[in-house]
C-alpha atoms as a PDB file:
ATOM      1  CA  UNK A   1      -0.025  -0.150   0.181  1.00  0.00           C
ATOM      2  CA  UNK A   2       1.175   3.686  -0.945  1.00  0.00           C
ATOM      3  CA  UNK A   3      -1.147   6.402   0.361  1.00  0.00           C
ATOM      4  CA  UNK A   4      -2.567   7.704   3.458  1.00  0.00           C
ATOM      5  CA  UNK A   5      -0.648   7.215   6.271  1.00  0.00           C
ATOM      6  CA  UNK A   6      -3.167   5.813   9.396  1.00  0.00           C
ATOM      7  CA  UNK A   7      -2.131   5.213  13.130  1.00  0.00           C
ATOM      8  CA  UNK A   8      -3.171   1.851  14.451  1.00  0.00           C
ATOM      9  CA  UNK A   9      -3.216   0.854  17.840  1.00  0.00           C
ATOM     10  CA  UNK A  10      -4.076  -3.041  19.067  1.00  0.00           C
ATOM     11  CA  UNK A  11      -4.818  -4.404  22.205  1.00  0.00           C
ATOM     12  CA  UNK A  12      -2.577  -6.481  23.887  1.00  0.00           C
ATOM     13  CA  UNK A  13      -4.346  -9.927  23.155  1.00  0.00           C
ATOM     14  CA  UNK A  14      -3.678  -8.973  19.481  1.00  0.00           C
ATOM     15  CA  UNK A  15      -0.289  -8.341  19.637  1.00  0.00           C
ATOM     16  CA  UNK A  16       0.672 -11.981  18.703  1.00  0.00           C
ATOM     17  CA  UNK A  17      -0.236 -11.351  15.022  1.00  0.00           C
ATOM     18  CA  UNK A  18       1.439  -7.802  14.951  1.00  0.00           C
ATOM     19  CA  UNK A  19       5.030  -8.217  15.579  1.00  0.00           C
ATOM     20  CA  UNK A  20       5.803  -4.971  13.591  1.00  0.00           C
ATOM     21  CA  UNK A  21       3.913  -3.144  16.656  1.00  0.00           C
ATOM     22  CA  UNK A  22       5.643  -1.353  19.355  1.00  0.00           C
ATOM     23  CA  UNK A  23       5.161  -3.176  23.101  1.00  0.00           C
ATOM     24  CA  UNK A  24       2.525  -0.420  23.362  1.00  0.00           C
ATOM     25  CA  UNK A  25       0.867  -2.045  20.700  1.00  0.00           C
ATOM     26  CA  UNK A  26       0.849   0.803  18.470  1.00  0.00           C
ATOM     27  CA  UNK A  27       2.048   1.042  14.605  1.00  0.00           C
ATOM     28  CA  UNK A  28       1.743   3.230  11.584  1.00  0.00           C
ATOM     29  CA  UNK A  29       0.633   2.130   8.459  1.00  0.00           C
ATOM     30  CA  UNK A  30       0.085   3.548   5.013  1.00  0.00           C
ATOM     31  CA  UNK A  31      -3.211   2.473   2.586  1.00  0.00           C
ATOM     32  CA  UNK A  32      -4.227   2.739  -0.748  1.00  0.00           C
ATOM     33  CA  UNK A  33      -7.316   5.085   0.048  1.00  0.00           C
ATOM     34  CA  UNK A  34      -9.632   2.791  -1.240  1.00  0.00           C
ATOM     35  CA  UNK A  35      -9.415  -0.429   0.681  1.00  0.00           C
ATOM     36  CA  UNK A  36     -11.737  -1.058   3.837  1.00  0.00           C
ATOM     37  CA  UNK A  37     -10.578  -0.858   7.580  1.00  0.00           C
ATOM     38  CA  UNK A  38     -10.963  -4.585   7.786  1.00  0.00           C
ATOM     39  CA  UNK A  39      -8.767  -4.974   4.788  1.00  0.00           C
ATOM     40  CA  UNK A  40      -6.102  -2.871   6.494  1.00  0.00           C
ATOM     41  CA  UNK A  41      -6.152  -4.577   9.731  1.00  0.00           C
ATOM     42  CA  UNK A  42      -6.170  -8.089   8.179  1.00  0.00           C
ATOM     43  CA  UNK A  43      -3.021  -6.957   5.965  1.00  0.00           C
ATOM     44  CA  UNK A  44      -1.474  -6.052   9.222  1.00  0.00           C
ATOM     45  CA  UNK A  45      -1.927  -9.687  10.239  1.00  0.00           C
ATOM     46  CA  UNK A  46      -5.040  -9.971  12.629  1.00  0.00           C
ATOM     47  CA  UNK A  47      -7.803 -12.129  11.282  1.00  0.00           C
ATOM     48  CA  UNK A  48     -11.334 -10.056  11.627  1.00  0.00           C
ATOM     49  CA  UNK A  49     -12.470 -13.334  13.448  1.00  0.00           C
ATOM     50  CA  UNK A  50     -10.230 -11.803  16.419  1.00  0.00           C
ATOM     51  CA  UNK A  51     -11.309  -8.439  16.034  1.00  0.00           C
ATOM     52  CA  UNK A  52     -14.060  -7.043  17.960  1.00  0.00           C
ATOM     53  CA  UNK A  53     -14.819  -3.007  17.770  1.00  0.00           C
ATOM     54  CA  UNK A  54     -13.007  -0.939  15.568  1.00  0.00           C
ATOM     55  CA  UNK A  55     -12.765   2.651  16.606  1.00  0.00           C
ATOM     56  CA  UNK A  56     -11.720   5.633  14.494  1.00  0.00           C
ATOM     57  CA  UNK A  57     -10.997   8.674  16.488  1.00  0.00           C
ATOM     58  CA  UNK A  58     -12.374   7.174  19.538  1.00  0.00           C
ATOM     59  CA  UNK A  59     -15.643   6.415  17.420  1.00  0.00           C
ATOM     60  CA  UNK A  60     -16.962   2.974  16.539  1.00  0.00           C
ATOM     61  CA  UNK A  61     -16.850   2.342  13.072  1.00  0.00           C
ATOM     62  CA  UNK A  62     -17.810  -0.932  10.828  1.00  0.00           C
ATOM     63  CA  UNK A  63     -14.980  -3.046   9.194  1.00  0.00           C
ATOM     64  CA  UNK A  64     -16.260  -1.629   5.566  1.00  0.00           C
ATOM     65  CA  UNK A  65     -14.937   2.165   6.638  1.00  0.00           C
ATOM     66  CA  UNK A  66     -12.558   3.422   4.101  1.00  0.00           C
ATOM     67  CA  UNK A  67      -9.671   5.035   6.385  1.00  0.00           C
ATOM     68  CA  UNK A  68      -8.614   8.707   5.753  1.00  0.00           C
ATOM     69  CA  UNK A  69      -4.946  10.074   6.590  1.00  0.00           C
ATOM     70  CA  UNK A  70      -3.962  10.962   9.620  1.00  0.00           C
ATOM     71  CA  UNK A  71      -7.069   8.709  11.390  1.00  0.00           C
ATOM     72  CA  UNK A  72      -6.248   7.081  14.815  1.00  0.00           C
ATOM     73  CA  UNK A  73      -7.622   3.612  14.623  1.00  0.00           C
ATOM     74  CA  UNK A  74      -8.114   1.405  17.789  1.00  0.00           C
ATOM     75  CA  UNK A  75      -8.432  -2.227  17.298  1.00  0.00           C
ATOM     76  CA  UNK A  76     -10.061  -4.149  20.076  1.00  0.00           C
ATOM     77  CA  UNK A  77     -10.355  -7.840  20.577  1.00  0.00           C
ATOM     78  CA  UNK A  78     -13.321  -9.900  20.711  1.00  0.00           C
ATOM     79  CA  UNK A  79     -15.537  -9.966  23.806  1.00  0.00           C
ATOM     80  CA  UNK A  80     -15.920 -12.831  26.115  1.00  0.00           C
ATOM     81  CA  UNK A  81     -18.038 -14.351  25.843  1.00  0.00           C
ATOM     82  CA  UNK A  82     -18.680 -13.897  22.148  1.00  0.00           C
ATOM     83  CA  UNK A  83     -22.232 -14.407  20.894  1.00  0.00           C
ATOM     84  CA  UNK A  84     -22.589 -15.791  17.400  1.00  0.00           C
ATOM     85  CA  UNK A  85     -26.097 -14.901  16.196  1.00  0.00           C
ATOM     86  CA  UNK A  86     -28.134 -17.043  13.646  1.00  0.00           C
ATOM     87  CA  UNK A  87     -27.612 -20.627  14.388  1.00  0.00           C
ATOM     88  CA  UNK A  88     -27.213 -22.900  17.462  1.00  0.00           C
ATOM     89  CA  UNK A  89     -23.480 -23.027  18.486  1.00  0.00           C
ATOM     90  CA  UNK A  90     -21.531 -25.592  16.924  1.00  0.00           C
ATOM     91  CA  UNK A  91     -18.185 -25.895  16.186  1.00  0.00           C
ATOM     92  CA  UNK A  92     -15.944 -27.329  13.478  1.00  0.00           C
ATOM     93  CA  UNK A  93     -11.943 -28.032  13.973  1.00  0.00           C
ATOM     94  CA  UNK A  94      -9.290 -28.679  11.573  1.00  0.00           C
ATOM     95  CA  UNK A  95      -6.892 -31.487  11.700  1.00  0.00           C
ATOM     96  CA  UNK A  96      -4.480 -30.443  13.928  1.00  0.00           C
ATOM     97  CA  UNK A  97      -7.088 -29.902  17.261  1.00  0.00           C
ATOM     98  CA  UNK A  98      -7.949 -33.675  17.602  1.00  0.00           C
ATOM     99  CA  UNK A  99      -7.435 -33.462  21.170  1.00  0.00           C
ATOM    100  CA  UNK A 100      -9.804 -30.540  21.886  1.00  0.00           C
ATOM    101  CA  UNK A 101     -12.426 -31.856  19.600  1.00  0.00           C
ATOM    102  CA  UNK A 102     -12.529 -34.890  21.934  1.00  0.00           C
ATOM    103  CA  UNK A 103     -12.534 -32.955  25.035  1.00  0.00           C
ATOM    104  CA  UNK A 104     -15.698 -30.454  23.468  1.00  0.00           C
ATOM    105  CA  UNK A 105     -17.310 -33.844  22.554  1.00  0.00           C
ATOM    106  CA  UNK A 106     -16.859 -35.208  26.232  1.00  0.00           C
ATOM    107  CA  UNK A 107     -18.598 -31.877  27.365  1.00  0.00           C
ATOM    108  CA  UNK A 108     -21.281 -32.342  25.066  1.00  0.00           C
ATOM    109  CA  UNK A 109     -20.600 -29.526  23.137  1.00  0.00           C
ATOM    110  CA  UNK A 110     -21.773 -30.300  18.963  1.00  0.00           C
ATOM    111  CA  UNK A 111     -18.282 -30.421  17.596  1.00  0.00           C
ATOM    112  CA  UNK A 112     -17.336 -31.590  14.169  1.00  0.00           C
ATOM    113  CA  UNK A 113     -13.499 -32.570  13.363  1.00  0.00           C
ATOM    114  CA  UNK A 114     -11.457 -33.355  10.122  1.00  0.00           C
ATOM    115  CA  UNK A 115      -9.129 -36.064  11.121  1.00  0.00           C
ATOM    116  CA  UNK A 116      -7.345 -35.505   7.688  1.00  0.00           C
ATOM    117  CA  UNK A 117      -6.159 -32.196   6.047  1.00  0.00           C
ATOM    118  CA  UNK A 118      -9.276 -31.734   3.588  1.00  0.00           C
ATOM    119  CA  UNK A 119      -7.989 -28.259   2.620  1.00  0.00           C
ATOM    120  CA  UNK A 120      -8.843 -24.436   3.636  1.00  0.00           C
ATOM    121  CA  UNK A 121     -11.544 -23.943   0.810  1.00  0.00           C
ATOM    122  CA  UNK A 122     -13.333 -27.567   1.781  1.00  0.00           C
ATOM    123  CA  UNK A 123     -12.931 -26.190   5.701  1.00  0.00           C
ATOM    124  CA  UNK A 124     -14.412 -22.842   4.965  1.00  0.00           C
ATOM    125  CA  UNK A 125     -17.300 -24.433   2.720  1.00  0.00           C
ATOM    126  CA  UNK A 126     -18.534 -26.842   5.415  1.00  0.00           C
ATOM    127  CA  UNK A 127     -18.295 -23.963   7.980  1.00  0.00           C
ATOM    128  CA  UNK A 128     -20.903 -22.079   5.850  1.00  0.00           C
ATOM    129  CA  UNK A 129     -22.752 -25.027   4.891  1.00  0.00           C
ATOM    130  CA  UNK A 130     -23.235 -26.105   8.490  1.00  0.00           C
ATOM    131  CA  UNK A 131     -23.204 -22.993  10.476  1.00  0.00           C
ATOM    132  CA  UNK A 132     -20.220 -23.994  12.511  1.00  0.00           C
ATOM    133  CA  UNK A 133     -17.662 -21.729  14.191  1.00  0.00           C
ATOM    134  CA  UNK A 134     -14.159 -23.063  12.337  1.00  0.00           C
ATOM    135  CA  UNK A 135     -11.513 -23.097  15.435  1.00  0.00           C
ATOM    136  CA  UNK A 136      -8.045 -23.255  13.914  1.00  0.00           C
ATOM    137  CA  UNK A 137      -4.362 -22.106  14.589  1.00  0.00           C
ATOM    138  CA  UNK A 138      -4.276 -21.173  11.096  1.00  0.00           C
ATOM    139  CA  UNK A 139      -4.393 -17.687  10.210  1.00  0.00           C
ATOM    140  CA  UNK A 140      -5.116 -17.999   6.547  1.00  0.00           C
ATOM    141  CA  UNK A 141      -8.035 -20.435   7.020  1.00  0.00           C
ATOM    142  CA  UNK A 142      -9.288 -17.677   9.346  1.00  0.00           C
ATOM    143  CA  UNK A 143      -9.597 -15.058   6.633  1.00  0.00           C
ATOM    144  CA  UNK A 144     -11.309 -16.774   4.380  1.00  0.00           C
ATOM    145  CA  UNK A 145     -14.603 -14.998   3.436  1.00  0.00           C
ATOM    146  CA  UNK A 146     -16.764 -17.768   3.130  1.00  0.00           C
ATOM    147  CA  UNK A 147     -16.433 -18.877   7.017  1.00  0.00           C
ATOM    148  CA  UNK A 148     -19.791 -18.615   9.061  1.00  0.00           C
ATOM    149  CA  UNK A 149     -17.701 -17.599  12.085  1.00  0.00           C
ATOM    150  CA  UNK A 150     -14.301 -18.590  13.472  1.00  0.00           C
ATOM    151  CA  UNK A 151     -11.788 -18.249  16.254  1.00  0.00           C
ATOM    152  CA  UNK A 152      -8.215 -18.961  16.715  1.00  0.00           C
ATOM    153  CA  UNK A 153      -7.020 -20.928  19.060  1.00  0.00           C
ATOM    154  CA  UNK A 154      -4.143 -18.976  20.880  1.00  0.00           C
ATOM    155  CA  UNK A 155      -2.269 -22.127  22.751  1.00  0.00           C
ATOM    156  CA  UNK A 156      -0.988 -25.378  21.489  1.00  0.00           C
ATOM    157  CA  UNK A 157      -1.778 -27.156  24.952  1.00  0.00           C
ATOM    158  CA  UNK A 158      -5.215 -28.900  24.808  1.00  0.00           C
ATOM    159  CA  UNK A 159      -5.962 -27.939  28.612  1.00  0.00           C
ATOM    160  CA  UNK A 160      -5.505 -24.183  27.718  1.00  0.00           C
ATOM    161  CA  UNK A 161      -7.148 -24.450  24.124  1.00  0.00           C
ATOM    162  CA  UNK A 162     -10.472 -25.943  26.067  1.00  0.00           C
ATOM    163  CA  UNK A 163     -10.176 -23.358  28.681  1.00  0.00           C
ATOM    164  CA  UNK A 164     -10.033 -20.590  26.065  1.00  0.00           C
ATOM    165  CA  UNK A 165     -12.889 -21.968  24.160  1.00  0.00           C
ATOM    166  CA  UNK A 166     -15.127 -22.276  27.072  1.00  0.00           C
ATOM    167  CA  UNK A 167     -14.119 -18.677  28.082  1.00  0.00           C
ATOM    168  CA  UNK A 168     -14.801 -17.293  24.837  1.00  0.00           C
ATOM    169  CA  UNK A 169     -18.037 -18.605  23.565  1.00  0.00           C
ATOM    170  CA  UNK A 170     -19.596 -20.006  26.824  1.00  0.00           C
ATOM    171  CA  UNK A 171     -21.240 -23.263  25.321  1.00  0.00           C
ATOM    172  CA  UNK A 172     -24.059 -25.312  26.955  1.00  0.00           C
ATOM    173  CA  UNK A 173     -22.198 -28.404  28.557  1.00  0.00           C
ATOM    174  CA  UNK A 174     -23.852 -31.598  28.552  1.00  0.00           C
ATOM    175  CA  UNK A 175     -21.351 -34.177  29.852  1.00  0.00           C
ATOM    176  CA  UNK A 176     -21.345 -37.546  28.644  1.00  0.00           C
ATOM    177  CA  UNK A 177     -24.035 -37.034  25.834  1.00  0.00           C
ATOM    178  CA  UNK A 178     -21.787 -37.468  23.007  1.00  0.00           C
ATOM    179  CA  UNK A 179     -19.250 -39.943  20.871  1.00  0.00           C
ATOM    180  CA  UNK A 180     -15.895 -38.600  21.613  1.00  0.00           C
ATOM    181  CA  UNK A 181     -15.004 -40.425  18.535  1.00  0.00           C
ATOM    182  CA  UNK A 182     -17.691 -39.315  15.817  1.00  0.00           C
ATOM    183  CA  UNK A 183     -19.994 -36.647  17.629  1.00  0.00           C
ATOM    184  CA  UNK A 184     -22.848 -38.486  17.681  1.00  0.00           C
ATOM    185  CA  UNK A 185     -25.337 -38.728  20.540  1.00  0.00           C
ATOM    186  CA  UNK A 186     -25.197 -41.360  23.127  1.00  0.00           C
ATOM    187  CA  UNK A 187     -27.695 -43.693  24.496  1.00  0.00           C
ATOM    188  CA  UNK A 188     -28.178 -46.226  26.989  1.00  0.00           C
ATOM    189  CA  UNK A 189     -27.095 -49.738  25.749  1.00  0.00           C
ATOM    190  CA  UNK A 190     -27.395 -53.243  27.344  1.00  0.00           C
ATOM    191  CA  UNK A 191     -24.240 -55.640  27.902  1.00  0.00           C
ATOM    192  CA  UNK A 192     -25.998 -57.933  25.335  1.00  0.00           C
ATOM    193  CA  UNK A 193     -26.339 -54.837  22.738  1.00  0.00           C
ATOM    194  CA  UNK A 194     -22.447 -54.558  22.668  1.00  0.00           C
ATOM    195  CA  UNK A 195     -21.424 -57.903  23.495  1.00  0.00           C
ATOM    196  CA  UNK A 196     -19.209 -58.034  20.364  1.00  0.00           C
ATOM    197  CA  UNK A 197     -17.002 -54.915  21.645  1.00  0.00           C
ATOM    198  CA  UNK A 198     -16.404 -56.595  25.009  1.00  0.00           C
ATOM    199  CA  UNK A 199     -13.395 -58.065  26.077  1.00  0.00           C
ATOM    200  CA  UNK A 200     -13.936 -60.935  28.828  1.00  0.00           C
ATOM    201  CA  UNK A 201     -12.453 -58.641  31.721  1.00  0.00           C
ATOM    202  CA  UNK A 202     -14.422 -55.930  30.698  1.00  0.00           C
ATOM    203  CA  UNK A 203     -17.649 -58.086  30.216  1.00  0.00           C
ATOM    204  CA  UNK A 204     -17.272 -59.551  33.534  1.00  0.00           C
ATOM    205  CA  UNK A 205     -16.809 -56.344  35.632  1.00  0.00           C
ATOM    206  CA  UNK A 206     -18.937 -53.683  33.818  1.00  0.00           C
ATOM    207  CA  UNK A 207     -22.753 -53.594  33.656  1.00  0.00           C
ATOM    208  CA  UNK A 208     -23.217 -50.236  32.731  1.00  0.00           C
ATOM    209  CA  UNK A 209     -23.149 -49.091  29.370  1.00  0.00           C
ATOM    210  CA  UNK A 210     -23.518 -46.425  26.575  1.00  0.00           C
ATOM    211  CA  UNK A 211     -23.573 -46.542  22.872  1.00  0.00           C
ATOM    212  CA  UNK A 212     -23.326 -44.199  19.847  1.00  0.00           C
ATOM    213  CA  UNK A 213     -26.385 -43.795  18.016  1.00  0.00           C
ATOM    214  CA  UNK A 214     -24.277 -42.971  14.971  1.00  0.00           C
ATOM    215  CA  UNK A 215     -21.032 -45.392  14.834  1.00  0.00           C
ATOM    216  CA  UNK A 216     -22.031 -47.943  17.158  1.00  0.00           C
ATOM    217  CA  UNK A 217     -19.073 -47.311  19.413  1.00  0.00           C
ATOM    218  CA  UNK A 218     -19.487 -48.710  22.906  1.00  0.00           C
ATOM    219  CA  UNK A 219     -18.736 -46.660  26.277  1.00  0.00           C
ATOM    220  CA  UNK A 220     -18.194 -47.806  29.999  1.00  0.00           C
ATOM    221  CA  UNK A 221     -16.540 -46.533  32.551  1.00  0.00           C
ATOM    222  CA  UNK A 222     -13.096 -47.906  32.194  1.00  0.00           C
ATOM    223  CA  UNK A 223      -9.509 -47.713  33.312  1.00  0.00           C
ATOM    224  CA  UNK A 224      -9.418 -43.746  32.323  1.00  0.00           C
ATOM    225  CA  UNK A 225     -12.664 -42.704  33.366  1.00  0.00           C
ATOM    226  CA  UNK A 226     -11.337 -40.999  36.279  1.00  0.00           C
ATOM    227  CA  UNK A 227      -9.135 -38.924  34.404  1.00  0.00           C
ATOM    228  CA  UNK A 228     -12.258 -37.762  32.247  1.00  0.00           C
ATOM    229  CA  UNK A 229     -14.360 -37.217  35.428  1.00  0.00           C
ATOM    230  CA  UNK A 230     -11.451 -34.537  36.142  1.00  0.00           C
ATOM    231  CA  UNK A 231     -11.431 -33.061  32.816  1.00  0.00           C
ATOM    232  CA  UNK A 232     -15.318 -32.615  32.976  1.00  0.00           C
ATOM    233  CA  UNK A 233     -15.362 -31.507  36.864  1.00  0.00           C
ATOM    234  CA  UNK A 234     -12.909 -28.193  35.814  1.00  0.00           C
ATOM    235  CA  UNK A 235     -15.000 -27.223  32.866  1.00  0.00           C
ATOM    236  CA  UNK A 236     -18.189 -27.612  35.095  1.00  0.00           C
ATOM    237  CA  UNK A 237     -16.391 -25.590  37.979  1.00  0.00           C
ATOM    238  CA  UNK A 238     -14.796 -23.137  35.515  1.00  0.00           C
ATOM    239  CA  UNK A 239     -18.464 -22.283  33.907  1.00  0.00           C
ATOM    240  CA  UNK A 240     -20.068 -21.743  37.419  1.00  0.00           C
ATOM    241  CA  UNK A 241     -17.316 -19.688  38.158  1.00  0.00           C
ATOM    242  CA  UNK A 242     -18.021 -17.384  35.317  1.00  0.00           C
ATOM    243  CA  UNK A 243     -21.755 -17.248  35.657  1.00  0.00           C
END
């Protein structure tokens, strides 16, 4: 860009995306005089999925505002909890967020997940078709215009990822109601119904089972149940503290 110069200041949370900004979050940039403020912000590295309010000289403006020379822009991070109007809150996660997908499903949150890399265009198209919030650490994916909605997952640690998503979107939690493998809904099952999935010790020692209505996978309180309970209890306690 080679045109009017503007002053831009970013919220601290957004500085991850703007390495050229000073520690205060401020930077100067030139525009072409025709591009929208949203385009300018994204050209500086910040996906619009992470932007809340845009202020020009202290007044809120839409992302379509065309900045003029000398304007002072403040870019605020999206507020928490973030509301996504127009559809029930549902998520779509890319191939790199498998553990987060399983933990969201464990909590009963409707979470689609692509276990293979199907490419950004296909992910964006699915987000739009199914009206799902795209969760990813891929900034390029989050900049695709066809996305229904999206959010950048800041951490690489599953525990922190889950905490962040729950804090940002505050989804309704219904633990133990979804299949962690395919996202289908669980139903009660008898031992006879899922006997072909049980080994001898499990068949003898367990009597309470659930089964996925979609893929047929069986569930019971096995060796890792206490670890899963801990994840659920932390998430429920965190929601209660926010309320």
